[in-house]
N, C-alpha and C. Protein backbone atom coordinates (compact mmCIF):
# COMPACT_ATOMS: atom_id res chain seq x y z
N MET A 1 -13.53 43.97 -118.76
CA MET A 1 -12.07 43.95 -118.75
C MET A 1 -11.58 42.74 -117.96
N THR A 2 -10.51 42.13 -118.45
CA THR A 2 -10.04 40.91 -117.81
C THR A 2 -8.61 41.01 -117.28
N CYS A 3 -7.82 42.01 -117.71
CA CYS A 3 -6.44 42.08 -117.24
C CYS A 3 -6.41 42.35 -115.75
N SER A 4 -5.44 41.77 -115.05
CA SER A 4 -5.39 41.88 -113.59
C SER A 4 -5.18 43.32 -113.14
N HIS A 5 -4.39 44.08 -113.91
CA HIS A 5 -4.14 45.49 -113.56
C HIS A 5 -5.44 46.28 -113.57
N CYS A 6 -6.25 46.10 -114.63
CA CYS A 6 -7.52 46.83 -114.74
C CYS A 6 -8.52 46.41 -113.67
N CYS A 7 -8.55 45.12 -113.40
CA CYS A 7 -9.46 44.63 -112.36
C CYS A 7 -9.07 45.20 -111.00
N GLY A 8 -7.78 45.32 -110.77
CA GLY A 8 -7.31 45.92 -109.52
C GLY A 8 -7.68 47.38 -109.44
N ALA A 9 -7.65 48.07 -110.60
CA ALA A 9 -8.01 49.49 -110.63
C ALA A 9 -9.48 49.69 -110.24
N GLU A 10 -10.33 48.79 -110.70
CA GLU A 10 -11.75 48.92 -110.37
C GLU A 10 -12.01 48.75 -108.89
N LYS A 11 -11.16 47.99 -108.21
CA LYS A 11 -11.31 47.82 -106.76
C LYS A 11 -10.96 49.11 -106.02
N ILE A 12 -10.04 49.90 -106.60
CA ILE A 12 -9.65 51.17 -105.99
C ILE A 12 -10.66 52.26 -106.33
N PHE A 13 -10.96 52.37 -107.62
CA PHE A 13 -11.89 53.39 -108.09
C PHE A 13 -13.30 52.81 -108.11
N ASP A 14 -13.77 52.46 -106.92
CA ASP A 14 -15.05 51.77 -106.78
C ASP A 14 -16.19 52.76 -106.53
N SER A 15 -17.38 52.23 -106.25
CA SER A 15 -18.56 53.09 -106.06
C SER A 15 -18.41 54.02 -104.86
N LYS A 16 -17.77 53.55 -103.80
CA LYS A 16 -17.56 54.39 -102.62
C LYS A 16 -16.68 55.59 -102.96
N GLU A 17 -15.59 55.33 -103.68
CA GLU A 17 -14.68 56.42 -104.06
C GLU A 17 -15.35 57.35 -105.05
N ALA A 18 -16.10 56.80 -106.00
CA ALA A 18 -16.80 57.63 -106.98
C ALA A 18 -17.83 58.53 -106.31
N SER A 19 -18.55 58.01 -105.34
CA SER A 19 -19.55 58.81 -104.62
C SER A 19 -18.89 59.95 -103.86
N LYS A 20 -17.73 59.66 -103.28
CA LYS A 20 -16.99 60.69 -102.54
C LYS A 20 -16.55 61.81 -103.47
N LYS A 21 -15.99 61.43 -104.65
CA LYS A 21 -15.55 62.44 -105.61
C LYS A 21 -16.72 63.24 -106.17
N LEU A 22 -17.84 62.57 -106.34
CA LEU A 22 -19.03 63.25 -106.85
C LEU A 22 -19.53 64.29 -105.85
N ARG A 23 -19.55 63.93 -104.57
CA ARG A 23 -19.97 64.88 -103.53
C ARG A 23 -19.03 66.08 -103.50
N ASN A 24 -17.74 65.83 -103.59
CA ASN A 24 -16.76 66.92 -103.56
C ASN A 24 -16.93 67.86 -104.74
N TYR A 25 -17.19 67.28 -105.92
CA TYR A 25 -17.36 68.12 -107.11
C TYR A 25 -18.61 68.98 -106.99
N ARG A 26 -19.67 68.40 -106.46
CA ARG A 26 -20.90 69.17 -106.32
C ARG A 26 -20.75 70.30 -105.30
N ARG A 27 -19.98 70.05 -104.26
CA ARG A 27 -19.80 71.04 -103.20
C ARG A 27 -18.76 72.10 -103.53
N LYS A 28 -17.65 71.66 -104.13
CA LYS A 28 -16.50 72.56 -104.29
C LYS A 28 -16.12 72.86 -105.73
N GLY A 29 -16.74 72.14 -106.67
CA GLY A 29 -16.34 72.32 -108.06
C GLY A 29 -15.07 71.54 -108.37
N PRO A 30 -14.41 71.83 -109.49
CA PRO A 30 -13.22 71.07 -109.89
C PRO A 30 -12.08 71.19 -108.87
N ARG A 31 -11.30 70.13 -108.73
CA ARG A 31 -10.15 70.16 -107.84
C ARG A 31 -9.05 71.02 -108.45
N LYS A 32 -7.98 71.29 -107.68
CA LYS A 32 -6.95 72.25 -108.10
C LYS A 32 -6.30 71.88 -109.43
N THR A 33 -5.93 70.61 -109.58
CA THR A 33 -5.27 70.22 -110.82
C THR A 33 -6.21 70.37 -112.02
N THR A 34 -7.49 70.08 -111.81
CA THR A 34 -8.46 70.23 -112.89
C THR A 34 -8.61 71.70 -113.27
N ARG A 35 -8.68 72.57 -112.27
CA ARG A 35 -8.80 74.00 -112.54
C ARG A 35 -7.60 74.51 -113.31
N ARG A 36 -6.42 74.05 -112.93
CA ARG A 36 -5.20 74.49 -113.63
C ARG A 36 -5.20 74.00 -115.08
N LEU A 37 -5.61 72.76 -115.27
CA LEU A 37 -5.66 72.21 -116.63
C LEU A 37 -6.68 72.96 -117.48
N LEU A 38 -7.83 73.25 -116.91
CA LEU A 38 -8.86 74.00 -117.63
C LEU A 38 -8.38 75.40 -117.97
N MET A 39 -7.68 76.03 -117.04
CA MET A 39 -7.14 77.36 -117.28
C MET A 39 -6.14 77.34 -118.43
N ALA A 40 -5.29 76.31 -118.45
CA ALA A 40 -4.27 76.20 -119.49
C ALA A 40 -4.89 75.93 -120.86
N ILE A 41 -5.95 75.14 -120.88
CA ILE A 41 -6.64 74.89 -122.15
C ILE A 41 -7.31 76.16 -122.65
N GLY A 42 -7.83 76.95 -121.69
CA GLY A 42 -8.46 78.22 -122.04
C GLY A 42 -9.88 78.04 -122.50
N ASN A 43 -10.53 79.15 -122.78
CA ASN A 43 -11.93 79.09 -123.22
C ASN A 43 -12.14 79.72 -124.59
N LYS A 44 -11.03 80.01 -125.28
CA LYS A 44 -11.14 80.59 -126.61
C LYS A 44 -11.19 79.49 -127.67
N ASN A 45 -11.95 79.74 -128.69
CA ASN A 45 -12.02 78.83 -129.85
C ASN A 45 -12.47 77.42 -129.47
N LEU A 46 -13.28 77.30 -128.43
CA LEU A 46 -13.81 75.99 -128.06
C LEU A 46 -15.19 75.74 -128.66
N GLN A 47 -15.77 76.77 -129.25
CA GLN A 47 -17.09 76.61 -129.83
C GLN A 47 -17.10 75.50 -130.87
N GLU A 48 -18.03 74.59 -130.69
CA GLU A 48 -18.23 73.48 -131.63
C GLU A 48 -17.08 72.48 -131.67
N LYS A 49 -16.16 72.53 -130.69
CA LYS A 49 -15.08 71.55 -130.61
C LYS A 49 -15.57 70.30 -129.90
N THR A 50 -14.79 69.24 -129.99
CA THR A 50 -15.12 67.99 -129.31
C THR A 50 -14.00 67.60 -128.36
N LEU A 51 -14.36 66.91 -127.28
CA LEU A 51 -13.40 66.52 -126.25
C LEU A 51 -13.42 65.01 -126.04
N LEU A 52 -12.22 64.43 -125.97
CA LEU A 52 -12.05 63.04 -125.53
C LEU A 52 -11.36 63.10 -124.18
N ASP A 53 -12.07 62.71 -123.14
CA ASP A 53 -11.54 62.75 -121.77
C ASP A 53 -11.26 61.31 -121.32
N ILE A 54 -9.99 60.95 -121.28
CA ILE A 54 -9.59 59.59 -120.93
C ILE A 54 -9.41 59.49 -119.41
N GLY A 55 -10.10 58.54 -118.80
CA GLY A 55 -10.09 58.45 -117.34
C GLY A 55 -10.79 59.66 -116.75
N GLY A 56 -11.98 59.93 -117.27
CA GLY A 56 -12.67 61.19 -116.96
C GLY A 56 -13.24 61.33 -115.56
N GLY A 57 -13.19 60.28 -114.76
CA GLY A 57 -13.69 60.39 -113.39
C GLY A 57 -15.17 60.73 -113.36
N VAL A 58 -15.54 61.71 -112.55
CA VAL A 58 -16.95 62.09 -112.44
C VAL A 58 -17.36 63.08 -113.53
N GLY A 59 -16.44 63.38 -114.45
CA GLY A 59 -16.78 64.21 -115.60
C GLY A 59 -16.57 65.69 -115.43
N ALA A 60 -15.74 66.09 -114.46
CA ALA A 60 -15.54 67.52 -114.19
C ALA A 60 -15.03 68.28 -115.42
N ILE A 61 -13.99 67.76 -116.07
CA ILE A 61 -13.45 68.43 -117.25
C ILE A 61 -14.51 68.55 -118.33
N GLN A 62 -15.25 67.49 -118.53
CA GLN A 62 -16.28 67.48 -119.57
C GLN A 62 -17.35 68.54 -119.31
N HIS A 63 -17.86 68.58 -118.10
CA HIS A 63 -18.93 69.52 -117.79
C HIS A 63 -18.45 70.97 -117.84
N GLU A 64 -17.25 71.21 -117.36
CA GLU A 64 -16.73 72.58 -117.36
C GLU A 64 -16.49 73.08 -118.78
N LEU A 65 -15.98 72.23 -119.66
CA LEU A 65 -15.72 72.66 -121.03
C LEU A 65 -16.98 72.71 -121.87
N LEU A 66 -17.95 71.85 -121.57
CA LEU A 66 -19.24 71.97 -122.26
C LEU A 66 -19.87 73.32 -121.97
N ALA A 67 -19.70 73.79 -120.75
CA ALA A 67 -20.25 75.10 -120.37
C ALA A 67 -19.55 76.24 -121.10
N LYS A 68 -18.35 75.96 -121.63
CA LYS A 68 -17.60 76.98 -122.36
C LYS A 68 -17.79 76.89 -123.87
N GLY A 69 -18.66 76.00 -124.30
CA GLY A 69 -19.00 75.99 -125.71
C GLY A 69 -18.68 74.75 -126.49
N LEU A 70 -18.09 73.73 -125.85
CA LEU A 70 -17.84 72.49 -126.58
C LEU A 70 -19.12 71.92 -127.15
N ARG A 71 -18.99 71.27 -128.32
CA ARG A 71 -20.17 70.66 -128.92
C ARG A 71 -20.51 69.34 -128.25
N SER A 72 -19.48 68.50 -127.98
CA SER A 72 -19.75 67.19 -127.41
C SER A 72 -18.50 66.63 -126.74
N THR A 73 -18.69 65.61 -125.91
CA THR A 73 -17.57 64.98 -125.22
C THR A 73 -17.71 63.46 -125.26
N THR A 74 -16.57 62.79 -125.18
CA THR A 74 -16.53 61.34 -125.04
C THR A 74 -15.68 61.01 -123.83
N ASP A 75 -16.24 60.25 -122.92
CA ASP A 75 -15.56 59.86 -121.69
C ASP A 75 -15.22 58.37 -121.76
N VAL A 76 -13.91 58.06 -121.72
CA VAL A 76 -13.46 56.67 -121.68
C VAL A 76 -12.90 56.40 -120.30
N ASP A 77 -13.46 55.44 -119.60
CA ASP A 77 -13.01 55.16 -118.24
C ASP A 77 -13.05 53.66 -117.96
N ALA A 78 -12.03 53.20 -117.24
CA ALA A 78 -11.95 51.78 -116.88
C ALA A 78 -12.70 51.47 -115.60
N SER A 79 -13.33 52.50 -115.00
CA SER A 79 -14.12 52.30 -113.79
C SER A 79 -15.59 52.54 -114.11
N LEU A 80 -16.39 51.49 -114.01
CA LEU A 80 -17.81 51.63 -114.26
C LEU A 80 -18.48 52.52 -113.22
N SER A 81 -17.96 52.50 -112.00
CA SER A 81 -18.52 53.35 -110.94
C SER A 81 -18.35 54.83 -111.28
N TYR A 82 -17.21 55.19 -111.83
CA TYR A 82 -16.97 56.59 -112.20
C TYR A 82 -17.84 56.98 -113.39
N ILE A 83 -18.01 56.09 -114.33
CA ILE A 83 -18.87 56.38 -115.48
C ILE A 83 -20.30 56.62 -115.00
N ASN A 84 -20.78 55.81 -114.08
CA ASN A 84 -22.13 55.98 -113.56
C ASN A 84 -22.27 57.31 -112.83
N ALA A 85 -21.22 57.72 -112.11
CA ALA A 85 -21.26 59.01 -111.41
C ALA A 85 -21.29 60.16 -112.41
N ALA A 86 -20.48 60.06 -113.47
CA ALA A 86 -20.46 61.10 -114.51
C ALA A 86 -21.81 61.17 -115.22
N LYS A 87 -22.42 60.02 -115.45
CA LYS A 87 -23.73 59.98 -116.10
C LYS A 87 -24.79 60.66 -115.23
N GLU A 88 -24.64 60.51 -113.92
CA GLU A 88 -25.61 61.11 -113.00
C GLU A 88 -25.65 62.62 -113.18
N ILE A 89 -24.47 63.25 -113.25
CA ILE A 89 -24.42 64.69 -113.46
C ILE A 89 -24.90 65.04 -114.85
N CYS A 90 -24.54 64.20 -115.81
CA CYS A 90 -24.95 64.42 -117.20
C CYS A 90 -26.47 64.51 -117.31
N ILE A 91 -27.16 63.63 -116.63
CA ILE A 91 -28.63 63.62 -116.65
C ILE A 91 -29.17 64.86 -115.94
N GLU A 92 -28.55 65.20 -114.80
CA GLU A 92 -28.99 66.37 -114.04
C GLU A 92 -28.88 67.65 -114.85
N LYS A 93 -27.81 67.77 -115.64
CA LYS A 93 -27.57 68.98 -116.42
C LYS A 93 -28.27 68.95 -117.78
N GLY A 94 -28.95 67.83 -118.06
CA GLY A 94 -29.67 67.73 -119.32
C GLY A 94 -28.76 67.70 -120.54
N MET A 95 -27.63 67.00 -120.41
CA MET A 95 -26.65 66.97 -121.50
C MET A 95 -26.45 65.58 -122.08
N THR A 96 -27.44 64.73 -121.97
CA THR A 96 -27.30 63.36 -122.45
C THR A 96 -27.06 63.29 -123.96
N ASP A 97 -27.51 64.32 -124.68
CA ASP A 97 -27.33 64.32 -126.14
C ASP A 97 -25.95 64.82 -126.54
N ARG A 98 -25.17 65.31 -125.57
CA ARG A 98 -23.85 65.88 -125.90
C ARG A 98 -22.70 65.10 -125.28
N MET A 99 -23.02 64.03 -124.54
CA MET A 99 -21.99 63.26 -123.86
C MET A 99 -22.10 61.78 -124.19
N GLU A 100 -20.95 61.19 -124.51
CA GLU A 100 -20.89 59.76 -124.80
C GLU A 100 -19.96 59.10 -123.78
N PHE A 101 -20.28 57.89 -123.36
CA PHE A 101 -19.50 57.18 -122.36
C PHE A 101 -19.05 55.83 -122.91
N VAL A 102 -17.77 55.54 -122.72
CA VAL A 102 -17.20 54.28 -123.18
C VAL A 102 -16.51 53.61 -122.00
N TYR A 103 -16.95 52.42 -121.65
CA TYR A 103 -16.38 51.69 -120.53
C TYR A 103 -15.28 50.76 -121.03
N GLY A 104 -14.07 50.89 -120.44
CA GLY A 104 -12.99 50.00 -120.80
C GLY A 104 -11.64 50.66 -120.68
N ASP A 105 -10.60 49.85 -120.76
CA ASP A 105 -9.23 50.33 -120.81
C ASP A 105 -9.04 51.04 -122.15
N PHE A 106 -8.49 52.25 -122.11
CA PHE A 106 -8.38 53.03 -123.35
C PHE A 106 -7.60 52.29 -124.42
N LEU A 107 -6.53 51.60 -124.05
CA LEU A 107 -5.74 50.89 -125.06
C LEU A 107 -6.54 49.77 -125.72
N ASP A 108 -7.52 49.24 -125.02
CA ASP A 108 -8.38 48.20 -125.60
C ASP A 108 -9.42 48.78 -126.54
N VAL A 109 -10.01 49.91 -126.15
CA VAL A 109 -11.12 50.48 -126.93
C VAL A 109 -10.66 51.52 -127.95
N CYS A 110 -9.39 51.91 -127.90
CA CYS A 110 -8.88 52.96 -128.76
C CYS A 110 -9.25 52.79 -130.23
N PRO A 111 -9.15 51.59 -130.80
CA PRO A 111 -9.48 51.45 -132.23
C PRO A 111 -10.91 51.87 -132.58
N THR A 112 -11.80 51.89 -131.60
CA THR A 112 -13.20 52.25 -131.86
C THR A 112 -13.49 53.71 -131.54
N VAL A 113 -12.49 54.44 -131.04
CA VAL A 113 -12.69 55.83 -130.63
C VAL A 113 -12.21 56.77 -131.73
N ALA A 114 -13.06 57.70 -132.12
CA ALA A 114 -12.72 58.65 -133.19
C ALA A 114 -11.78 59.74 -132.67
N SER A 115 -11.19 60.48 -133.59
CA SER A 115 -10.36 61.62 -133.22
C SER A 115 -11.24 62.75 -132.70
N HIS A 116 -10.69 63.55 -131.79
CA HIS A 116 -11.38 64.69 -131.22
C HIS A 116 -10.47 65.91 -131.28
N ASP A 117 -11.05 67.09 -131.15
CA ASP A 117 -10.24 68.31 -131.18
C ASP A 117 -9.35 68.41 -129.95
N VAL A 118 -9.90 68.05 -128.80
CA VAL A 118 -9.18 68.15 -127.52
C VAL A 118 -9.15 66.78 -126.86
N VAL A 119 -7.97 66.40 -126.33
CA VAL A 119 -7.83 65.15 -125.58
C VAL A 119 -7.22 65.48 -124.23
N THR A 120 -7.80 64.97 -123.16
CA THR A 120 -7.27 65.20 -121.82
C THR A 120 -7.08 63.89 -121.06
N LEU A 121 -6.03 63.85 -120.25
CA LEU A 121 -5.75 62.71 -119.38
C LEU A 121 -5.30 63.26 -118.02
N GLU A 122 -6.24 63.42 -117.11
CA GLU A 122 -5.87 63.92 -115.79
C GLU A 122 -5.60 62.75 -114.84
N LYS A 123 -4.35 62.66 -114.39
CA LYS A 123 -3.93 61.61 -113.46
C LYS A 123 -4.22 60.22 -114.02
N VAL A 124 -3.88 60.03 -115.28
CA VAL A 124 -4.09 58.77 -115.97
C VAL A 124 -2.76 58.12 -116.32
N VAL A 125 -1.79 58.92 -116.73
CA VAL A 125 -0.47 58.40 -117.11
C VAL A 125 0.13 57.56 -115.98
N CYS A 126 -0.11 57.96 -114.74
CA CYS A 126 0.44 57.24 -113.59
C CYS A 126 -0.24 55.90 -113.35
N CYS A 127 -1.31 55.62 -114.08
CA CYS A 127 -2.03 54.36 -113.91
C CYS A 127 -1.63 53.31 -114.93
N TYR A 128 -0.75 53.68 -115.87
CA TYR A 128 -0.39 52.78 -116.95
C TYR A 128 1.07 52.36 -116.91
N PRO A 129 1.34 51.06 -116.95
CA PRO A 129 2.74 50.61 -117.03
C PRO A 129 3.35 50.92 -118.39
N ASN A 130 2.53 50.87 -119.44
CA ASN A 130 3.00 51.09 -120.81
C ASN A 130 2.72 52.52 -121.24
N VAL A 131 3.57 53.45 -120.81
CA VAL A 131 3.32 54.86 -121.10
C VAL A 131 3.48 55.17 -122.58
N LYS A 132 4.36 54.44 -123.27
CA LYS A 132 4.58 54.71 -124.69
C LYS A 132 3.32 54.46 -125.50
N ASP A 133 2.70 53.31 -125.33
CA ASP A 133 1.48 53.00 -126.09
C ASP A 133 0.34 53.92 -125.70
N LEU A 134 0.24 54.26 -124.41
CA LEU A 134 -0.83 55.14 -123.96
C LEU A 134 -0.73 56.51 -124.63
N ILE A 135 0.45 57.11 -124.59
CA ILE A 135 0.61 58.45 -125.16
C ILE A 135 0.51 58.43 -126.67
N ASN A 136 1.14 57.46 -127.31
CA ASN A 136 1.05 57.40 -128.77
C ASN A 136 -0.39 57.23 -129.23
N SER A 137 -1.14 56.37 -128.55
CA SER A 137 -2.53 56.12 -128.94
C SER A 137 -3.43 57.32 -128.65
N SER A 138 -3.26 57.92 -127.49
CA SER A 138 -4.13 59.05 -127.12
C SER A 138 -3.77 60.32 -127.89
N ALA A 139 -2.48 60.57 -128.07
CA ALA A 139 -2.07 61.75 -128.84
C ALA A 139 -2.52 61.64 -130.29
N GLY A 140 -2.56 60.41 -130.78
CA GLY A 140 -3.03 60.19 -132.14
C GLY A 140 -4.50 60.50 -132.33
N ARG A 141 -5.24 60.63 -131.22
CA ARG A 141 -6.66 60.94 -131.29
C ARG A 141 -6.93 62.44 -131.14
N SER A 142 -5.87 63.24 -130.96
CA SER A 142 -6.05 64.68 -130.78
C SER A 142 -5.74 65.44 -132.07
N GLU A 143 -6.70 66.25 -132.50
CA GLU A 143 -6.53 67.07 -133.69
C GLU A 143 -5.87 68.41 -133.37
N GLU A 144 -5.98 68.85 -132.11
CA GLU A 144 -5.51 70.20 -131.81
C GLU A 144 -4.84 70.33 -130.44
N ILE A 145 -5.56 69.98 -129.37
CA ILE A 145 -5.04 70.21 -128.01
C ILE A 145 -4.90 68.89 -127.28
N TYR A 146 -3.80 68.77 -126.52
CA TYR A 146 -3.53 67.56 -125.73
C TYR A 146 -3.08 68.02 -124.34
N GLY A 147 -3.90 67.72 -123.33
CA GLY A 147 -3.57 68.16 -121.98
C GLY A 147 -3.53 67.00 -121.01
N LEU A 148 -2.60 67.05 -120.07
CA LEU A 148 -2.49 65.96 -119.11
C LEU A 148 -1.94 66.44 -117.77
N VAL A 149 -2.23 65.63 -116.75
CA VAL A 149 -1.72 65.85 -115.40
C VAL A 149 -1.06 64.55 -114.97
N TYR A 150 0.19 64.63 -114.51
CA TYR A 150 0.94 63.43 -114.13
C TYR A 150 1.86 63.75 -112.95
N PRO A 151 2.38 62.75 -112.25
CA PRO A 151 3.21 63.00 -111.07
C PRO A 151 4.54 63.66 -111.41
N MET A 152 4.99 64.54 -110.53
CA MET A 152 6.34 65.09 -110.66
C MET A 152 7.36 63.94 -110.63
N ASP A 153 8.37 64.07 -111.42
CA ASP A 153 9.41 63.05 -111.49
C ASP A 153 10.55 63.42 -110.55
N ASN A 154 10.37 63.12 -109.25
CA ASN A 154 11.41 63.41 -108.27
C ASN A 154 11.45 62.30 -107.22
N TRP A 155 12.40 62.37 -106.32
CA TRP A 155 12.60 61.29 -105.34
C TRP A 155 11.39 61.12 -104.43
N LEU A 156 10.74 62.24 -104.07
CA LEU A 156 9.60 62.16 -103.16
C LEU A 156 8.43 61.43 -103.83
N SER A 157 8.16 61.76 -105.08
CA SER A 157 7.09 61.08 -105.81
C SER A 157 7.38 59.60 -105.96
N ARG A 158 8.65 59.29 -106.28
CA ARG A 158 9.00 57.88 -106.47
C ARG A 158 8.92 57.11 -105.16
N PHE A 159 9.32 57.76 -104.05
CA PHE A 159 9.24 57.10 -102.74
C PHE A 159 7.79 56.87 -102.34
N THR A 160 6.95 57.91 -102.48
CA THR A 160 5.54 57.79 -102.14
C THR A 160 4.86 56.72 -102.99
N ASN A 161 5.22 56.70 -104.27
CA ASN A 161 4.65 55.72 -105.18
C ASN A 161 5.05 54.29 -104.78
N ALA A 162 6.30 54.13 -104.39
CA ALA A 162 6.78 52.81 -103.99
C ALA A 162 6.06 52.32 -102.74
N VAL A 163 5.86 53.23 -101.77
CA VAL A 163 5.14 52.86 -100.54
C VAL A 163 3.71 52.45 -100.87
N GLY A 164 3.07 53.21 -101.75
CA GLY A 164 1.71 52.87 -102.14
C GLY A 164 1.61 51.52 -102.82
N ASN A 165 2.59 51.20 -103.64
CA ASN A 165 2.58 49.91 -104.33
C ASN A 165 2.86 48.75 -103.37
N ILE A 166 3.65 49.02 -102.33
CA ILE A 166 3.87 47.98 -101.31
C ILE A 166 2.56 47.67 -100.61
N TYR A 167 1.79 48.71 -100.30
CA TYR A 167 0.49 48.51 -99.66
C TYR A 167 -0.43 47.69 -100.58
N LEU A 168 -0.43 48.03 -101.87
CA LEU A 168 -1.28 47.30 -102.82
C LEU A 168 -0.87 45.83 -102.88
N ARG A 169 0.42 45.58 -102.82
CA ARG A 169 0.91 44.19 -102.86
C ARG A 169 0.46 43.44 -101.61
N ILE A 170 0.57 44.10 -100.46
CA ILE A 170 0.18 43.47 -99.18
C ILE A 170 -1.31 43.14 -99.17
N THR A 171 -2.11 44.06 -99.73
CA THR A 171 -3.56 43.85 -99.74
C THR A 171 -4.02 43.01 -100.94
N LYS A 172 -3.04 42.49 -101.68
CA LYS A 172 -3.31 41.59 -102.81
C LYS A 172 -4.14 42.25 -103.91
N ASN A 173 -3.89 43.53 -104.10
CA ASN A 173 -4.51 44.24 -105.22
C ASN A 173 -3.50 44.29 -106.36
N SER A 174 -3.89 43.87 -107.55
CA SER A 174 -2.97 43.76 -108.67
C SER A 174 -2.68 45.09 -109.36
N PHE A 175 -3.39 46.14 -108.99
CA PHE A 175 -3.14 47.45 -109.59
C PHE A 175 -1.81 48.02 -109.08
N ARG A 176 -1.08 48.74 -109.95
CA ARG A 176 0.13 49.44 -109.56
C ARG A 176 0.11 50.84 -110.18
N SER A 177 0.73 51.79 -109.49
CA SER A 177 0.86 53.14 -110.03
C SER A 177 2.31 53.36 -110.44
N TYR A 178 2.54 54.41 -111.26
CA TYR A 178 3.86 54.61 -111.85
C TYR A 178 4.23 56.09 -111.89
N VAL A 179 5.52 56.35 -111.73
CA VAL A 179 6.07 57.69 -111.94
C VAL A 179 7.00 57.58 -113.15
N HIS A 180 6.49 57.98 -114.30
CA HIS A 180 7.29 57.88 -115.52
C HIS A 180 8.18 59.12 -115.68
N PRO A 181 9.37 58.98 -116.23
CA PRO A 181 10.26 60.14 -116.44
C PRO A 181 9.58 61.21 -117.29
N GLU A 182 9.64 62.45 -116.82
CA GLU A 182 9.00 63.54 -117.56
C GLU A 182 9.61 63.73 -118.93
N SER A 183 10.90 63.48 -119.05
CA SER A 183 11.57 63.65 -120.34
C SER A 183 10.98 62.69 -121.38
N ILE A 184 10.65 61.49 -120.96
CA ILE A 184 10.07 60.51 -121.88
C ILE A 184 8.65 60.92 -122.27
N ILE A 185 7.87 61.37 -121.28
CA ILE A 185 6.51 61.82 -121.55
C ILE A 185 6.51 62.95 -122.57
N ASN A 186 7.37 63.95 -122.34
CA ASN A 186 7.44 65.10 -123.24
C ASN A 186 7.90 64.68 -124.64
N SER A 187 8.91 63.83 -124.70
CA SER A 187 9.43 63.40 -126.01
C SER A 187 8.38 62.66 -126.82
N LEU A 188 7.64 61.78 -126.16
CA LEU A 188 6.61 61.02 -126.86
C LEU A 188 5.55 61.94 -127.45
N ILE A 189 5.14 62.94 -126.68
CA ILE A 189 4.10 63.86 -127.15
C ILE A 189 4.63 64.72 -128.29
N VAL A 190 5.83 65.26 -128.13
CA VAL A 190 6.44 66.09 -129.18
C VAL A 190 6.62 65.28 -130.47
N ASN A 191 7.02 64.04 -130.33
CA ASN A 191 7.21 63.19 -131.51
C ASN A 191 5.91 62.88 -132.24
N ASN A 192 4.78 63.12 -131.56
CA ASN A 192 3.47 62.95 -132.19
C ASN A 192 2.99 64.23 -132.86
N GLY A 193 3.88 65.23 -132.93
CA GLY A 193 3.55 66.45 -133.68
C GLY A 193 3.00 67.59 -132.84
N PHE A 194 3.34 67.61 -131.55
CA PHE A 194 2.84 68.66 -130.65
C PHE A 194 3.97 69.55 -130.13
N GLU A 195 3.57 70.72 -129.70
CA GLU A 195 4.48 71.66 -129.06
C GLU A 195 3.88 72.07 -127.71
N ARG A 196 4.69 72.03 -126.65
CA ARG A 196 4.16 72.36 -125.33
C ARG A 196 3.91 73.85 -125.21
N VAL A 197 2.71 74.22 -124.76
CA VAL A 197 2.34 75.63 -124.62
C VAL A 197 2.05 76.00 -123.17
N HIS A 198 2.00 75.00 -122.29
CA HIS A 198 1.81 75.27 -120.86
C HIS A 198 2.48 74.18 -120.04
N TYR A 199 3.16 74.62 -118.96
CA TYR A 199 3.83 73.67 -118.07
C TYR A 199 3.89 74.29 -116.69
N SER A 200 3.23 73.65 -115.70
CA SER A 200 3.21 74.21 -114.36
C SER A 200 3.08 73.08 -113.34
N SER A 201 3.08 73.43 -112.06
CA SER A 201 3.02 72.44 -111.00
C SER A 201 1.91 72.76 -110.02
N VAL A 202 1.22 71.72 -109.58
CA VAL A 202 0.30 71.77 -108.45
C VAL A 202 0.72 70.59 -107.59
N PHE A 203 1.61 70.83 -106.66
CA PHE A 203 2.29 69.77 -105.91
C PHE A 203 1.31 68.68 -105.44
N PRO A 204 1.65 67.42 -105.70
CA PRO A 204 2.86 66.87 -106.34
C PRO A 204 2.66 66.51 -107.81
N TRP A 205 1.89 67.33 -108.53
CA TRP A 205 1.54 67.01 -109.91
C TRP A 205 2.10 68.04 -110.89
N ARG A 206 2.33 67.60 -112.13
CA ARG A 206 2.64 68.48 -113.24
C ARG A 206 1.39 68.63 -114.09
N VAL A 207 1.22 69.83 -114.61
CA VAL A 207 0.13 70.10 -115.54
C VAL A 207 0.76 70.58 -116.85
N ALA A 208 0.47 69.89 -117.93
CA ALA A 208 1.07 70.26 -119.22
C ALA A 208 0.00 70.24 -120.31
N VAL A 209 0.06 71.24 -121.17
CA VAL A 209 -0.86 71.32 -122.30
C VAL A 209 -0.03 71.52 -123.57
N TYR A 210 -0.38 70.76 -124.60
CA TYR A 210 0.31 70.81 -125.88
C TYR A 210 -0.69 71.19 -126.97
N ARG A 211 -0.16 71.81 -128.01
CA ARG A 211 -0.98 72.12 -129.17
C ARG A 211 -0.31 71.54 -130.41
N ARG A 212 -1.11 70.93 -131.26
CA ARG A 212 -0.55 70.35 -132.47
C ARG A 212 0.13 71.43 -133.30
N VAL A 213 1.32 71.16 -133.77
CA VAL A 213 2.14 72.16 -134.45
C VAL A 213 1.40 72.76 -135.63
N SER A 214 0.68 71.95 -136.39
CA SER A 214 -0.06 72.47 -137.54
C SER A 214 -1.15 73.45 -137.12
N ALA A 215 -1.61 73.32 -135.83
CA ALA A 215 -2.66 74.22 -135.34
C ALA A 215 -2.07 75.53 -134.83
N ILE A 216 -0.73 75.55 -134.61
CA ILE A 216 -0.09 76.75 -134.09
C ILE A 216 0.31 77.67 -135.22
N ARG A 217 0.84 77.08 -136.29
CA ARG A 217 1.36 77.87 -137.40
C ARG A 217 0.27 78.73 -138.06
C-alpha cells in the first residue's frame, strides 16, 4: 500500500499492538463489541455460510463464527501485523483450509474479493475518510448479513476524535480517524437493499446488523 493514510494506519496497528490484542483474545476471548456483534448475528442458519471480515484484526469474529458452523472466512486487513496474528491462531486451531487472508486496503482489493453470505466491519468505518465508497463496496459483497461497529455520533465522540487526530498530526502520523453521521451510514446500507434488524450501544460504540431484504421476505 502506498497511500499516506494507509501507511499511517500500519504505524498504529503495528506488531506491538497486534501482539497485545492477540494476548487479550487468548486470555479473555472476544471484546465487548465483538460479543455484541456476534450475538446480533446469531448462530442460526450459519451452517455452510461464508464470512468476509474487513479489518478483521486478530480474527476473533472469524474464529468464533467458524466454531458455529461457517464453512470459510476471508480476512481483508490493511495491517500485515494483524494478519500475521490472525494466521497464528488459524494455524493453532488447524483451520488453514477454511481461512483466507488478503493484505491491503479494502477499497483497493475489493474488485478481487468475491461475495460472501456475511460481511462484518468492526471499528473499520471510523478508519475511512470515504465512508460512501467503503459501505457501497462492502455492502455489495454481502449476500445476506451485514454487521458493523462504529462510533456513536455525538459531541463526546467528535471531541475525543478531534483530540486524537491532533495527537496524530503532532506525531506526524498521516492516519486520521472519523466520526461519520449515523444517518448517512444507515441510509447508505439501506439503499444497498438491507433492513436493520439489530441496533444497540456498547459505549462509545454502536453495533448494527442488517439483513438483505430479499433474505427476510
